[in-house]
Amino acid sequence: MKLYKIKEMSTVEMEKKVEELEKELALLVFRHKNRQLDKVMKLREVKRDIARLKTFIHQAKEE
C-alpha cells in the first residue's frame, strides 16, 4: 500500500484496513504452512502494510 493512499484515509478507515489485512495475513500464513502459497513475498508485504497503518493510527491518536 502506498503512503499517499494511507495519508488520505481517516483513522477509522485505517483501523478497518488493519483488520482486513490481519485476516488476509492469517490466511496467507495458513496457506504457507500447507505449502500452497506461491508468492511468499506477499507475507512480507502484508506485514509491512499492517505496521505502516498501525504507525499512522498511533501518530494520529497522539495529535
Foldseek 3Di string as FASTA:
>chain_A
DDPVVLVVDDLVVLVVVLVVLVVVLVVQVVCVVVVNDDDPVVNVVSVVSNVVSVVVNVVVVVD
